C-alpha atoms as a PDB file:
ATOM      1  CA  MET A   1      98.259  95.484 115.994  1.00  0.00           C
ATOM      2  CA  LYS A   2      97.818  99.022 117.499  1.00  0.00           C
ATOM      3  CA  ILE A   3      98.396 101.767 114.852  1.00  0.00           C
ATOM      4  CA  VAL A   4      98.796 105.311 115.693  1.00  0.00           C
ATOM      5  CA  ILE A   5      98.828 107.896 112.933  1.00  0.00           C
ATOM      6  CA  ALA A   6     101.030 110.832 114.158  1.00  0.00           C
ATOM      7  CA  GLY A   7     100.026 113.680 111.886  1.00  0.00           C
ATOM      8  CA  ALA A   8      96.293 112.742 110.677  1.00  0.00           C
ATOM      9  CA  GLY A   9      96.105 115.164 107.841  1.00  0.00           C
ATOM     10  CA  ALA A  10      95.581 114.562 103.956  1.00  0.00           C
ATOM     11  CA  ILE A  11      97.971 111.551 103.998  1.00  0.00           C
ATOM     12  CA  GLY A  12      97.845 110.269 107.222  1.00  0.00           C
ATOM     13  CA  GLY A  13      94.338 110.849 107.640  1.00  0.00           C
ATOM     14  CA  TYR A  14      93.314 109.016 104.983  1.00  0.00           C
ATOM     15  CA  ILE A  15      95.116 106.097 105.916  1.00  0.00           C
ATOM     16  CA  GLY A  16      93.792 106.026 109.354  1.00  0.00           C
ATOM     17  CA  ALA A  17      90.126 106.479 107.730  1.00  0.00           C
ATOM     18  CA  ARG A  18      90.491 103.544 105.584  1.00  0.00           C
ATOM     19  CA  LEU A  19      92.117 101.416 108.453  1.00  0.00           C
ATOM     20  CA  THR A  20      89.443 102.501 110.920  1.00  0.00           C
ATOM     21  CA  ARG A  21      86.469 101.861 108.473  1.00  0.00           C
ATOM     22  CA  ALA A  22      88.535  98.020 108.097  1.00  0.00           C
ATOM     23  CA  GLY A  23      88.129  97.346 112.029  1.00  0.00           C
ATOM     24  CA  ALA A  24      91.900  98.144 112.756  1.00  0.00           C
ATOM     25  CA  ASN A  25      93.031  99.315 115.993  1.00  0.00           C
ATOM     26  CA  VAL A  26      93.863 103.141 115.204  1.00  0.00           C
ATOM     27  CA  VAL A  27      94.418 106.295 117.000  1.00  0.00           C
ATOM     28  CA  LEU A  28      94.612 109.535 115.084  1.00  0.00           C
ATOM     29  CA  PHE A  29      97.002 112.365 116.492  1.00  0.00           C
ATOM     30  CA  ALA A  30      96.018 115.750 115.258  1.00  0.00           C
ATOM     31  CA  ARG A  31      95.488 119.196 116.660  1.00  0.00           C
ATOM     32  CA  GLY A  32      93.722 122.492 116.010  1.00  0.00           C
ATOM     33  CA  PRO A  33      90.509 122.504 114.061  1.00  0.00           C
ATOM     34  CA  HIS A  34      91.031 119.402 112.287  1.00  0.00           C
ATOM     35  CA  LEU A  35      91.193 117.387 115.942  1.00  0.00           C
ATOM     36  CA  ARG A  36      88.119 119.330 116.982  1.00  0.00           C
ATOM     37  CA  ALA A  37      86.098 118.425 114.074  1.00  0.00           C
ATOM     38  CA  MET A  38      87.000 114.622 114.049  1.00  0.00           C
ATOM     39  CA  GLN A  39      86.151 114.721 117.805  1.00  0.00           C
ATOM     40  CA  GLU A  40      82.676 116.303 117.054  1.00  0.00           C
ATOM     41  CA  ARG A  41      81.758 114.930 113.927  1.00  0.00           C
ATOM     42  CA  GLY A  42      84.255 111.949 113.113  1.00  0.00           C
ATOM     43  CA  LEU A  43      86.068 112.058 109.757  1.00  0.00           C
ATOM     44  CA  ARG A  44      84.662 112.200 106.427  1.00  0.00           C
ATOM     45  CA  VAL A  45      86.242 110.911 103.221  1.00  0.00           C
ATOM     46  CA  ILE A  46      85.004 112.126  99.764  1.00  0.00           C
ATOM     47  CA  SER A  47      86.425 109.711  97.085  1.00  0.00           C
ATOM     48  CA  PRO A  48      85.490 108.713  93.437  1.00  0.00           C
ATOM     49  CA  ASP A  49      85.747 105.328  94.802  1.00  0.00           C
ATOM     50  CA  GLY A  50      83.022 106.285  97.025  1.00  0.00           C
ATOM     51  CA  ASP A  51      82.313 108.535 100.076  1.00  0.00           C
ATOM     52  CA  PHE A  52      82.457 107.206 103.616  1.00  0.00           C
ATOM     53  CA  GLU A  53      82.520 108.535 107.449  1.00  0.00           C
ATOM     54  CA  VAL A  54      84.224 106.987 110.263  1.00  0.00           C
ATOM     55  CA  LYS A  55      84.492 107.554 114.027  1.00  0.00           C
ATOM     56  CA  PRO A  56      88.037 107.060 114.863  1.00  0.00           C
ATOM     57  CA  GLU A  57      89.497 107.251 118.022  1.00  0.00           C
ATOM     58  CA  VAL A  58      91.629 110.728 117.962  1.00  0.00           C
ATOM     59  CA  SER A  59      93.701 112.475 120.225  1.00  0.00           C
ATOM     60  CA  GLY A  60      95.747 115.906 120.634  1.00  0.00           C
ATOM     61  CA  ASP A  61      98.146 114.423 123.171  1.00  0.00           C
ATOM     62  CA  LEU A  62     100.785 111.535 122.488  1.00  0.00           C
ATOM     63  CA  ALA A  63     101.611 111.184 126.094  1.00  0.00           C
ATOM     64  CA  THR A  64      97.888 109.804 126.528  1.00  0.00           C
ATOM     65  CA  ILE A  65      97.780 107.318 123.811  1.00  0.00           C
ATOM     66  CA  GLY A  66      99.994 104.409 125.240  1.00  0.00           C
ATOM     67  CA  ARG A  67     102.191 102.050 123.604  1.00  0.00           C
ATOM     68  CA  ALA A  68     101.887 101.585 119.815  1.00  0.00           C
ATOM     69  CA  ASP A  69     102.935  98.444 117.560  1.00  0.00           C
ATOM     70  CA  VAL A  70     103.211 100.815 114.543  1.00  0.00           C
ATOM     71  CA  VAL A  71     103.485 104.643 114.510  1.00  0.00           C
ATOM     72  CA  PHE A  72     102.802 106.311 110.954  1.00  0.00           C
ATOM     73  CA  LEU A  73     104.539 109.553 110.705  1.00  0.00           C
ATOM     74  CA  GLY A  74     101.820 111.128 108.697  1.00  0.00           C
ATOM     75  CA  VAL A  75     103.356 115.150 109.355  1.00  0.00           C
ATOM     76  CA  LYS A  76     105.287 117.024 106.594  1.00  0.00           C
ATOM     77  CA  ALA A  77     108.899 116.463 107.120  1.00  0.00           C
ATOM     78  CA  HIS A  78     109.738 119.973 108.358  1.00  0.00           C
ATOM     79  CA  SER A  79     107.342 119.010 111.071  1.00  0.00           C
ATOM     80  CA  LEU A  80     109.534 116.019 112.204  1.00  0.00           C
ATOM     81  CA  THR A  81     111.865 117.856 114.222  1.00  0.00           C
ATOM     82  CA  GLY A  82     109.242 119.106 116.459  1.00  0.00           C
ATOM     83  CA  LEU A  83     107.144 115.983 116.589  1.00  0.00           C
ATOM     84  CA  SER A  84     109.988 113.384 116.636  1.00  0.00           C
ATOM     85  CA  PRO A  85     111.099 114.009 120.231  1.00  0.00           C
ATOM     86  CA  GLN A  86     107.401 113.697 121.395  1.00  0.00           C
ATOM     87  CA  LEU A  87     107.174 110.319 120.201  1.00  0.00           C
ATOM     88  CA  HIS A  88     108.589 108.378 123.225  1.00  0.00           C
ATOM     89  CA  PRO A  89     105.647 107.506 125.046  1.00  0.00           C
ATOM     90  CA  LEU A  90     104.465 105.401 121.986  1.00  0.00           C
ATOM     91  CA  LEU A  91     107.595 103.466 121.565  1.00  0.00           C
ATOM     92  CA  GLY A  92     107.902 100.159 122.869  1.00  0.00           C
ATOM     93  CA  GLU A  93     110.666  97.833 122.350  1.00  0.00           C
ATOM     94  CA  GLU A  94     109.399  96.233 119.099  1.00  0.00           C
ATOM     95  CA  THR A  95     107.349  99.478 117.852  1.00  0.00           C
ATOM     96  CA  LEU A  96     107.962 100.231 114.029  1.00  0.00           C
ATOM     97  CA  VAL A  97     108.103 104.004 112.751  1.00  0.00           C
ATOM     98  CA  VAL A  98     106.667 104.408 109.316  1.00  0.00           C
ATOM     99  CA  SER A  99     107.879 107.331 107.608  1.00  0.00           C
ATOM    100  CA  THR A 100     105.663 108.850 104.707  1.00  0.00           C
ATOM    101  CA  GLN A 101     107.461 112.010 103.935  1.00  0.00           C
ATOM    102  CA  ASN A 102     108.230 113.112 100.485  1.00  0.00           C
ATOM    103  CA  GLY A 103     111.686 113.768  99.454  1.00  0.00           C
ATOM    104  CA  ILE A 104     115.039 112.274 101.020  1.00  0.00           C
ATOM    105  CA  PRO A 105     114.166 110.803 104.366  1.00  0.00           C
ATOM    106  CA  TRP A 106     116.152 111.674 107.438  1.00  0.00           C
ATOM    107  CA  TRP A 107     117.423 107.835 107.808  1.00  0.00           C
ATOM    108  CA  TYR A 108     118.495 107.381 104.091  1.00  0.00           C
ATOM    109  CA  PHE A 109     122.204 107.201 105.112  1.00  0.00           C
ATOM    110  CA  GLN A 110     121.789 105.348 108.347  1.00  0.00           C
ATOM    111  CA  ASP A 111     123.195 101.704 107.878  1.00  0.00           C
ATOM    112  CA  TYR A 112     124.014 102.808 104.524  1.00  0.00           C
ATOM    113  CA  GLY A 113     127.850 101.618 104.069  1.00  0.00           C
ATOM    114  CA  GLY A 114     130.653 102.934 102.434  1.00  0.00           C
ATOM    115  CA  GLU A 115     131.925 106.432 102.602  1.00  0.00           C
ATOM    116  CA  LEU A 116     128.577 108.093 102.992  1.00  0.00           C
ATOM    117  CA  ASP A 117     127.552 105.866 105.744  1.00  0.00           C
ATOM    118  CA  GLY A 118     125.695 108.042 108.511  1.00  0.00           C
ATOM    119  CA  LEU A 119     125.632 111.020 106.600  1.00  0.00           C
ATOM    120  CA  ARG A 120     123.197 113.560 107.960  1.00  0.00           C
ATOM    121  CA  LEU A 121     121.404 116.193 105.764  1.00  0.00           C
ATOM    122  CA  GLU A 122     121.321 119.279 107.427  1.00  0.00           C
ATOM    123  CA  ARG A 123     118.233 120.349 105.486  1.00  0.00           C
ATOM    124  CA  VAL A 124     116.510 117.180 106.397  1.00  0.00           C
ATOM    125  CA  ASP A 125     117.459 116.727 110.075  1.00  0.00           C
ATOM    126  CA  PRO A 126     118.758 119.839 111.257  1.00  0.00           C
ATOM    127  CA  GLY A 127     121.106 119.201 114.367  1.00  0.00           C
ATOM    128  CA  GLY A 128     120.218 115.328 113.965  1.00  0.00           C
ATOM    129  CA  VAL A 129     117.200 115.627 116.136  1.00  0.00           C
ATOM    130  CA  ILE A 130     115.078 113.244 114.393  1.00  0.00           C
ATOM    131  CA  ALA A 131     117.896 110.458 114.379  1.00  0.00           C
ATOM    132  CA  ALA A 132     118.310 110.863 117.890  1.00  0.00           C
ATOM    133  CA  ALA A 133     114.752 110.493 118.669  1.00  0.00           C
ATOM    134  CA  ILE A 134     114.066 107.524 116.351  1.00  0.00           C
ATOM    135  CA  GLU A 135     116.621 104.511 116.481  1.00  0.00           C
ATOM    136  CA  SER A 136     117.471 103.451 113.027  1.00  0.00           C
ATOM    137  CA  ARG A 137     116.305  99.575 113.661  1.00  0.00           C
ATOM    138  CA  ARG A 138     112.651 101.024 114.252  1.00  0.00           C
ATOM    139  CA  VAL A 139     112.401 102.598 110.750  1.00  0.00           C
ATOM    140  CA  VAL A 140     110.230 101.312 107.827  1.00  0.00           C
ATOM    141  CA  GLY A 141     109.893 103.292 104.632  1.00  0.00           C
ATOM    142  CA  ALA A 142     106.795 103.984 103.087  1.00  0.00           C
ATOM    143  CA  LEU A 143     105.645 105.935  99.704  1.00  0.00           C
ATOM    144  CA  ALA A 144     102.327 107.116  99.218  1.00  0.00           C
ATOM    145  CA  TYR A 145     100.814 107.115  95.673  1.00  0.00           C
ATOM    146  CA  PHE A 146      97.545 108.712  96.323  1.00  0.00           C
ATOM    147  CA  ALA A 147      96.382 112.413  95.702  1.00  0.00           C
ATOM    148  CA  THR A 148      94.512 113.688  98.880  1.00  0.00           C
ATOM    149  CA  ASP A 149      93.746 117.041 100.457  1.00  0.00           C
ATOM    150  CA  VAL A 150      92.386 118.308 103.794  1.00  0.00           C
ATOM    151  CA  ALA A 151      88.941 119.821 102.232  1.00  0.00           C
ATOM    152  CA  GLU A 152      88.125 121.231 105.406  1.00  0.00           C
ATOM    153  CA  PRO A 153      88.434 120.110 109.073  1.00  0.00           C
ATOM    154  CA  GLY A 154      87.483 116.749 109.630  1.00  0.00           C
ATOM    155  CA  VAL A 155      86.786 116.171 105.683  1.00  0.00           C
ATOM    156  CA  ILE A 156      89.672 114.576 103.407  1.00  0.00           C
ATOM    157  CA  HIS A 157      89.202 114.760  99.647  1.00  0.00           C
ATOM    158  CA  HIS A 158      90.625 111.689  97.908  1.00  0.00           C
ATOM    159  CA  THR A 159      91.358 112.296  94.136  1.00  0.00           C
ATOM    160  CA  GLU A 160      93.049 109.148  92.834  1.00  0.00           C
ATOM    161  CA  GLY A 161      95.170 106.493  93.963  1.00  0.00           C
ATOM    162  CA  ASN A 162      95.362 103.781  96.389  1.00  0.00           C
ATOM    163  CA  ARG A 163      99.228 102.375  96.656  1.00  0.00           C
ATOM    164  CA  ILE A 164     101.515 102.602  99.601  1.00  0.00           C
ATOM    165  CA  SER A 165     104.910 101.052  99.157  1.00  0.00           C
ATOM    166  CA  LEU A 166     106.796  99.460 102.130  1.00  0.00           C
ATOM    167  CA  GLY A 167     110.397  98.891 102.199  1.00  0.00           C
ATOM    168  CA  GLU A 168     113.276  97.950 104.897  1.00  0.00           C
ATOM    169  CA  PRO A 169     116.090 100.378 104.487  1.00  0.00           C
ATOM    170  CA  ASN A 170     118.428  97.339 104.256  1.00  0.00           C
ATOM    171  CA  GLY A 171     116.716  95.710 101.449  1.00  0.00           C
ATOM    172  CA  THR A 172     115.143  92.890 103.154  1.00  0.00           C
ATOM    173  CA  ARG A 173     111.514  91.581 102.914  1.00  0.00           C
ATOM    174  CA  SER A 174     111.130  91.253 106.656  1.00  0.00           C
ATOM    175  CA  ASP A 175     108.259  89.687 108.477  1.00  0.00           C
ATOM    176  CA  ARG A 176     107.320  92.845 110.011  1.00  0.00           C
ATOM    177  CA  THR A 177     106.771  94.689 106.524  1.00  0.00           C
ATOM    178  CA  LYS A 178     104.776  91.765 105.557  1.00  0.00           C
ATOM    179  CA  ALA A 179     102.509  91.855 108.230  1.00  0.00           C
ATOM    180  CA  LEU A 180     102.105  95.617 107.941  1.00  0.00           C
ATOM    181  CA  SER A 181     101.425  95.167 104.341  1.00  0.00           C
ATOM    182  CA  GLU A 182      98.464  92.539 104.982  1.00  0.00           C
ATOM    183  CA  VAL A 183      96.750  95.030 107.154  1.00  0.00           C
ATOM    184  CA  LEU A 184      96.952  97.900 104.714  1.00  0.00           C
ATOM    185  CA  ILE A 185      95.788  95.633 101.988  1.00  0.00           C
ATOM    186  CA  GLY A 186      92.841  94.493 104.330  1.00  0.00           C
ATOM    187  CA  ALA A 187      91.977  98.399 104.230  1.00  0.00           C
ATOM    188  CA  GLY A 188      91.854  98.569 100.508  1.00  0.00           C
ATOM    189  CA  PHE A 189      95.439  99.869  99.689  1.00  0.00           C
ATOM    190  CA  ARG A 190      97.778  98.229  97.200  1.00  0.00           C
ATOM    191  CA  CYS A 191     100.765  97.541  99.475  1.00  0.00           C
ATOM    192  CA  PRO A 192     103.742  95.910  97.696  1.00  0.00           C
ATOM    193  CA  VAL A 193     106.983  95.477  99.841  1.00  0.00           C
ATOM    194  CA  SER A 194     109.887  96.592  97.984  1.00  0.00           C
ATOM    195  CA  VAL A 195     113.405  95.326  98.033  1.00  0.00           C
ATOM    196  CA  ARG A 196     114.855  98.461  96.359  1.00  0.00           C
ATOM    197  CA  PHE A 197     113.390 100.881  98.178  1.00  0.00           C
ATOM    198  CA  ARG A 198     116.124 103.515  98.152  1.00  0.00           C
ATOM    199  CA  HIS A 199     115.443 103.241  94.052  1.00  0.00           C
ATOM    200  CA  GLU A 200     111.897 103.943  94.424  1.00  0.00           C
ATOM    201  CA  ILE A 201     112.588 106.962  96.414  1.00  0.00           C
ATOM    202  CA  TRP A 202     114.212 108.512  93.716  1.00  0.00           C
ATOM    203  CA  VAL A 203     111.637 107.531  91.275  1.00  0.00           C
ATOM    204  CA  LYS A 204     109.105 109.542  93.404  1.00  0.00           C
ATOM    205  CA  LEU A 205     111.669 112.278  93.865  1.00  0.00           C
ATOM    206  CA  LEU A 206     112.230 112.631  90.226  1.00  0.00           C
ATOM    207  CA  GLY A 207     108.701 114.210  89.967  1.00  0.00           C
ATOM    208  CA  ASN A 208     108.553 115.880  93.088  1.00  0.00           C
ATOM    209  CA  VAL A 209     111.822 117.581  93.024  1.00  0.00           C
ATOM    210  CA  ALA A 210     110.438 119.532  89.787  1.00  0.00           C
ATOM    211  CA  PHE A 211     106.769 119.402  89.883  1.00  0.00           C
ATOM    212  CA  ASN A 212     106.349 120.611  93.572  1.00  0.00           C
ATOM    213  CA  PRO A 213     108.388 123.721  93.651  1.00  0.00           C
ATOM    214  CA  ILE A 214     107.326 124.989  90.205  1.00  0.00           C
ATOM    215  CA  SER A 215     103.577 124.327  90.877  1.00  0.00           C
ATOM    216  CA  ALA A 216     104.052 126.618  94.031  1.00  0.00           C
ATOM    217  CA  LEU A 217     105.787 129.273  92.027  1.00  0.00           C
ATOM    218  CA  THR A 218     103.393 129.251  89.318  1.00  0.00           C
ATOM    219  CA  GLY A 219     100.079 128.286  90.933  1.00  0.00           C
ATOM    220  CA  GLY A 220      99.908 125.268  87.960  1.00  0.00           C
ATOM    221  CA  THR A 221      98.375 121.871  88.266  1.00  0.00           C
ATOM    222  CA  LEU A 222     100.430 118.922  87.048  1.00  0.00           C
ATOM    223  CA  GLU A 223      98.603 118.829  83.579  1.00  0.00           C
ATOM    224  CA  GLU A 224      99.344 122.682  83.163  1.00  0.00           C
ATOM    225  CA  ILE A 225     103.069 122.600  84.064  1.00  0.00           C
ATOM    226  CA  VAL A 226     103.637 119.462  81.639  1.00  0.00           C
ATOM    227  CA  ARG A 227     101.555 121.193  78.886  1.00  0.00           C
ATOM    228  CA  HIS A 228     102.965 124.563  78.930  1.00  0.00           C
ATOM    229  CA  PRO A 229     106.212 124.776  76.851  1.00  0.00           C
ATOM    230  CA  ASP A 230     108.329 126.683  79.010  1.00  0.00           C
ATOM    231  CA  THR A 231     107.754 125.123  82.461  1.00  0.00           C
ATOM    232  CA  SER A 232     107.681 121.815  80.925  1.00  0.00           C
ATOM    233  CA  ARG A 233     111.265 122.427  79.544  1.00  0.00           C
ATOM    234  CA  LEU A 234     112.361 123.525  82.872  1.00  0.00           C
ATOM    235  CA  VAL A 235     110.775 120.378  84.593  1.00  0.00           C
ATOM    236  CA  ARG A 236     113.182 118.389  82.197  1.00  0.00           C
ATOM    237  CA  GLU A 237     116.121 120.453  83.473  1.00  0.00           C
ATOM    238  CA  LEU A 238     115.515 119.595  87.316  1.00  0.00           C
ATOM    239  CA  MET A 239     114.745 116.013  86.495  1.00  0.00           C
ATOM    240  CA  GLN A 240     118.113 115.757  84.443  1.00  0.00           C
ATOM    241  CA  GLU A 241     120.073 117.278  87.244  1.00  0.00           C
ATOM    242  CA  THR A 242     118.222 115.079  90.020  1.00  0.00           C
ATOM    243  CA  GLU A 243     119.026 112.033  87.712  1.00  0.00           C
ATOM    244  CA  THR A 244     122.795 112.777  87.941  1.00  0.00           C
ATOM    245  CA  VAL A 245     122.625 112.991  91.693  1.00  0.00           C
ATOM    246  CA  ALA A 246     120.935 109.832  91.935  1.00  0.00           C
ATOM    247  CA  GLY A 247     123.747 108.169  89.338  1.00  0.00           C
ATOM    248  CA  LYS A 248     126.473 109.552  91.775  1.00  0.00           C
ATOM    249  CA  LEU A 249     124.769 107.154  94.439  1.00  0.00           C
ATOM    250  CA  GLY A 250     124.628 104.251  92.009  1.00  0.00           C
ATOM    251  CA  ILE A 251     120.977 104.732  91.492  1.00  0.00           C
ATOM    252  CA  GLU A 252     119.827 103.684  87.772  1.00  0.00           C
ATOM    253  CA  LEU A 253     116.528 104.783  87.789  1.00  0.00           C
ATOM    254  CA  PRO A 254     114.037 102.273  85.969  1.00  0.00           C
ATOM    255  CA  ILE A 255     111.744 105.032  84.356  1.00  0.00           C
ATOM    256  CA  SER A 256     112.478 107.877  82.086  1.00  0.00           C
ATOM    257  CA  ILE A 257     111.980 111.621  82.179  1.00  0.00           C
ATOM    258  CA  ASP A 258     109.372 111.001  79.600  1.00  0.00           C
ATOM    259  CA  GLN A 259     107.445 108.402  81.281  1.00  0.00           C
ATOM    260  CA  ARG A 260     107.488 110.540  84.652  1.00  0.00           C
ATOM    261  CA  MET A 261     106.267 113.690  82.963  1.00  0.00           C
ATOM    262  CA  ALA A 262     103.458 111.195  81.287  1.00  0.00           C
ATOM    263  CA  GLY A 263     102.497 109.853  84.576  1.00  0.00           C
ATOM    264  CA  ALA A 264     102.131 113.482  85.775  1.00  0.00           C
ATOM    265  CA  GLU A 265     100.058 114.398  82.800  1.00  0.00           C
ATOM    266  CA  LYS A 266      97.743 111.625  83.536  1.00  0.00           C
ATOM    267  CA  VAL A 267      97.075 112.504  87.000  1.00  0.00           C
ATOM    268  CA  GLY A 268      95.478 115.651  85.473  1.00  0.00           C
ATOM    269  CA  ALA A 269      94.263 118.800  87.232  1.00  0.00           C
ATOM    270  CA  HIS A 270      95.825 117.989  90.511  1.00  0.00           C
ATOM    271  CA  LYS A 271      97.730 120.760  92.854  1.00  0.00           C
ATOM    272  CA  THR A 272     100.881 119.134  94.357  1.00  0.00           C
ATOM    273  CA  SER A 273     101.035 118.944  97.999  1.00  0.00           C
ATOM    274  CA  MET A 274     103.362 121.845  98.322  1.00  0.00           C
ATOM    275  CA  LEU A 275     100.869 124.126  96.239  1.00  0.00           C
ATOM    276  CA  GLN A 276      98.212 123.030  98.918  1.00  0.00           C
ATOM    277  CA  ASP A 277     100.350 123.938 101.548  1.00  0.00           C
ATOM    278  CA  PHE A 278     101.257 127.294  99.957  1.00  0.00           C
ATOM    279  CA  GLU A 279      97.483 128.387  99.405  1.00  0.00           C
ATOM    280  CA  ALA A 280      96.531 127.079 102.672  1.00  0.00           C
ATOM    281  CA  GLY A 281      99.216 129.371 104.628  1.00  0.00           C
ATOM    282  CA  ARG A 282     101.319 126.304 105.770  1.00  0.00           C
ATOM    283  CA  PRO A 283     104.944 125.930 105.263  1.00  0.00           C
ATOM    284  CA  MET A 284     105.866 123.903 102.453  1.00  0.00           C
ATOM    285  CA  GLU A 285     107.900 120.546 102.437  1.00  0.00           C
ATOM    286  CA  LEU A 286     110.654 122.333 100.651  1.00  0.00           C
ATOM    287  CA  GLU A 287     114.034 121.148 102.252  1.00  0.00           C
ATOM    288  CA  ALA A 288     113.222 117.607 102.244  1.00  0.00           C
ATOM    289  CA  VAL A 289     112.114 117.811  98.535  1.00  0.00           C
ATOM    290  CA  VAL A 290     114.631 120.086  97.045  1.00  0.00           C
ATOM    291  CA  GLY A 291     116.756 121.625  99.441  1.00  0.00           C
ATOM    292  CA  ALA A 292     118.150 118.054 100.448  1.00  0.00           C
ATOM    293  CA  VAL A 293     118.944 117.154  96.867  1.00  0.00           C
ATOM    294  CA  VAL A 294     120.887 120.481  96.454  1.00  0.00           C
ATOM    295  CA  GLU A 295     122.688 119.810  99.666  1.00  0.00           C
ATOM    296  CA  LEU A 296     123.550 116.418  98.560  1.00  0.00           C
ATOM    297  CA  GLY A 297     124.614 117.402  94.958  1.00  0.00           C
ATOM    298  CA  GLU A 298     127.226 119.741  96.531  1.00  0.00           C
ATOM    299  CA  LYS A 299     128.397 117.011  98.518  1.00  0.00           C
ATOM    300  CA  LEU A 300     128.896 115.010  95.307  1.00  0.00           C
ATOM    301  CA  GLY A 301     130.081 117.757  93.171  1.00  0.00           C
ATOM    302  CA  VAL A 302     127.102 117.964  90.768  1.00  0.00           C
ATOM    303  CA  SER A 303     126.321 121.418  89.243  1.00  0.00           C
ATOM    304  CA  MET A 304     122.805 121.709  89.750  1.00  0.00           C
ATOM    305  CA  PRO A 305     122.097 125.431  88.099  1.00  0.00           C
ATOM    306  CA  SER A 306     118.258 125.077  87.262  1.00  0.00           C
ATOM    307  CA  THR A 307     117.287 123.200  90.521  1.00  0.00           C
ATOM    308  CA  ARG A 308     119.205 125.754  92.463  1.00  0.00           C
ATOM    309  CA  ALA A 309     117.493 128.833  90.873  1.00  0.00           C
ATOM    310  CA  VAL A 310     113.964 127.297  91.426  1.00  0.00           C
ATOM    311  CA  TYR A 311     114.891 126.228  94.945  1.00  0.00           C
ATOM    312  CA  ALA A 312     116.033 129.867  95.874  1.00  0.00           C
ATOM    313  CA  CYS A 313     112.727 131.422  94.523  1.00  0.00           C
ATOM    314  CA  ALA A 314     110.527 129.166  96.344  1.00  0.00           C
ATOM    315  CA  ARG A 315     112.454 129.341  99.508  1.00  0.00           C
ATOM    316  CA  LEU A 316     112.156 133.088  99.446  1.00  0.00           C
ATOM    317  CA  LEU A 317     108.429 132.703  98.507  1.00  0.00           C
ATOM    318  CA  ASP A 318     107.925 130.487 101.641  1.00  0.00           C
ATOM    319  CA  GLU A 319     110.241 132.609 103.986  1.00  0.00           C
ATOM    320  CA  HIS A 320     108.080 135.876 102.875  1.00  0.00           C
ATOM    321  CA  ARG A 321     104.746 134.031 102.933  1.00  0.00           C
ATOM    322  CA  GLY A 322     105.700 132.626 106.456  1.00  0.00           C
ATOM    323  CA  ARG A 323     106.504 136.096 107.894  1.00  0.00           C
ATOM    324  CA  ARG A 324     103.074 137.354 106.586  1.00  0.00           C
ATOM    325  CA  VAL A 325     100.898 134.528 107.784  1.00  0.00           C
ATOM    326  CA  ALA A 326     102.461 133.181 110.796  1.00  0.00           C
ATOM    327  CA  PRO A 327     100.258 135.068 113.356  1.00  0.00           C
ATOM    328  CA  ARG A 328      97.210 133.110 111.862  1.00  0.00           C
ATOM    329  CA  MET A 329      98.704 129.534 111.585  1.00  0.00           C
ATOM    330  CA  GLU A 330      97.180 127.059 114.294  1.00  0.00           C
ATOM    331  CA  GLY A 331      97.986 123.480 115.316  1.00  0.00           C
ATOM    332  CA  VAL A 332      99.224 120.629 113.161  1.00  0.00           C
ATOM    333  CA  VAL A 333      97.355 119.437 110.344  1.00  0.00           C
ATOM    334  CA  ALA A 334      99.964 117.393 108.288  1.00  0.00           C
END
């Protein structure tokens, strides 16, 4: 099984490093200083489970890699519109494309059935570029439950967690997801295959929609946000509004808001991926995580005053910071 990690940053790089260490056939795609560091020194992982270094095959040009059996999309959701049209050289007849992005994925309403079948969220897939480049039959969903960041080019810091959930959009337990799960288990991940993957998306989103933008606006870690009385109250409001949107889709969440907040506090002094991106001068994964929920709420007639307010502030922050740092940004390290 040939696996390409299209975006070998914090999430994709960690997956690629563990697969490489396990002897899998993996190619990591990156650009800029991160690519150069991996080419020169390899990829180092710093982890409480034990540090290790690997020398993976890396590339800065997708056109030179050849056909893949599996492509992991390791870039952030907002980078998919640029990346997806470039994937064609990797895609054979049976190639799987595994989405690892936070938030509501572009494929969520593909083959959905009912009145919302085929619904495209503009904040997730502007102009339908991603859906046009990646056929729905290829898609396998993935959710990463581990905390990582790029400490410096060529170095990934792993804080905690080792689970990746896989799921077919149609809810079946397919041979292809079971085969991919076995490969990931062989690399040391816990990798269940879910038959209720859309439900699981909303469970993770329940936390991300609140903690991610609030962390970017305040600079707070997960435990700080939960323990502060005012931000904790705001988190609950965003979660309640998001839970209402999920309910309109027939999603009954198997976890309470109290449980979700307790889980975040347990992670401790971890900076969300959105705060990491903000501090590093990268665009934040705001639209797929928060903007898409607001857009979906509009379509479903759900009032979301708290979510709208946080989204508006975070969006202005992202746009203002983007104008200021754009000349210094380089490459893709997703």
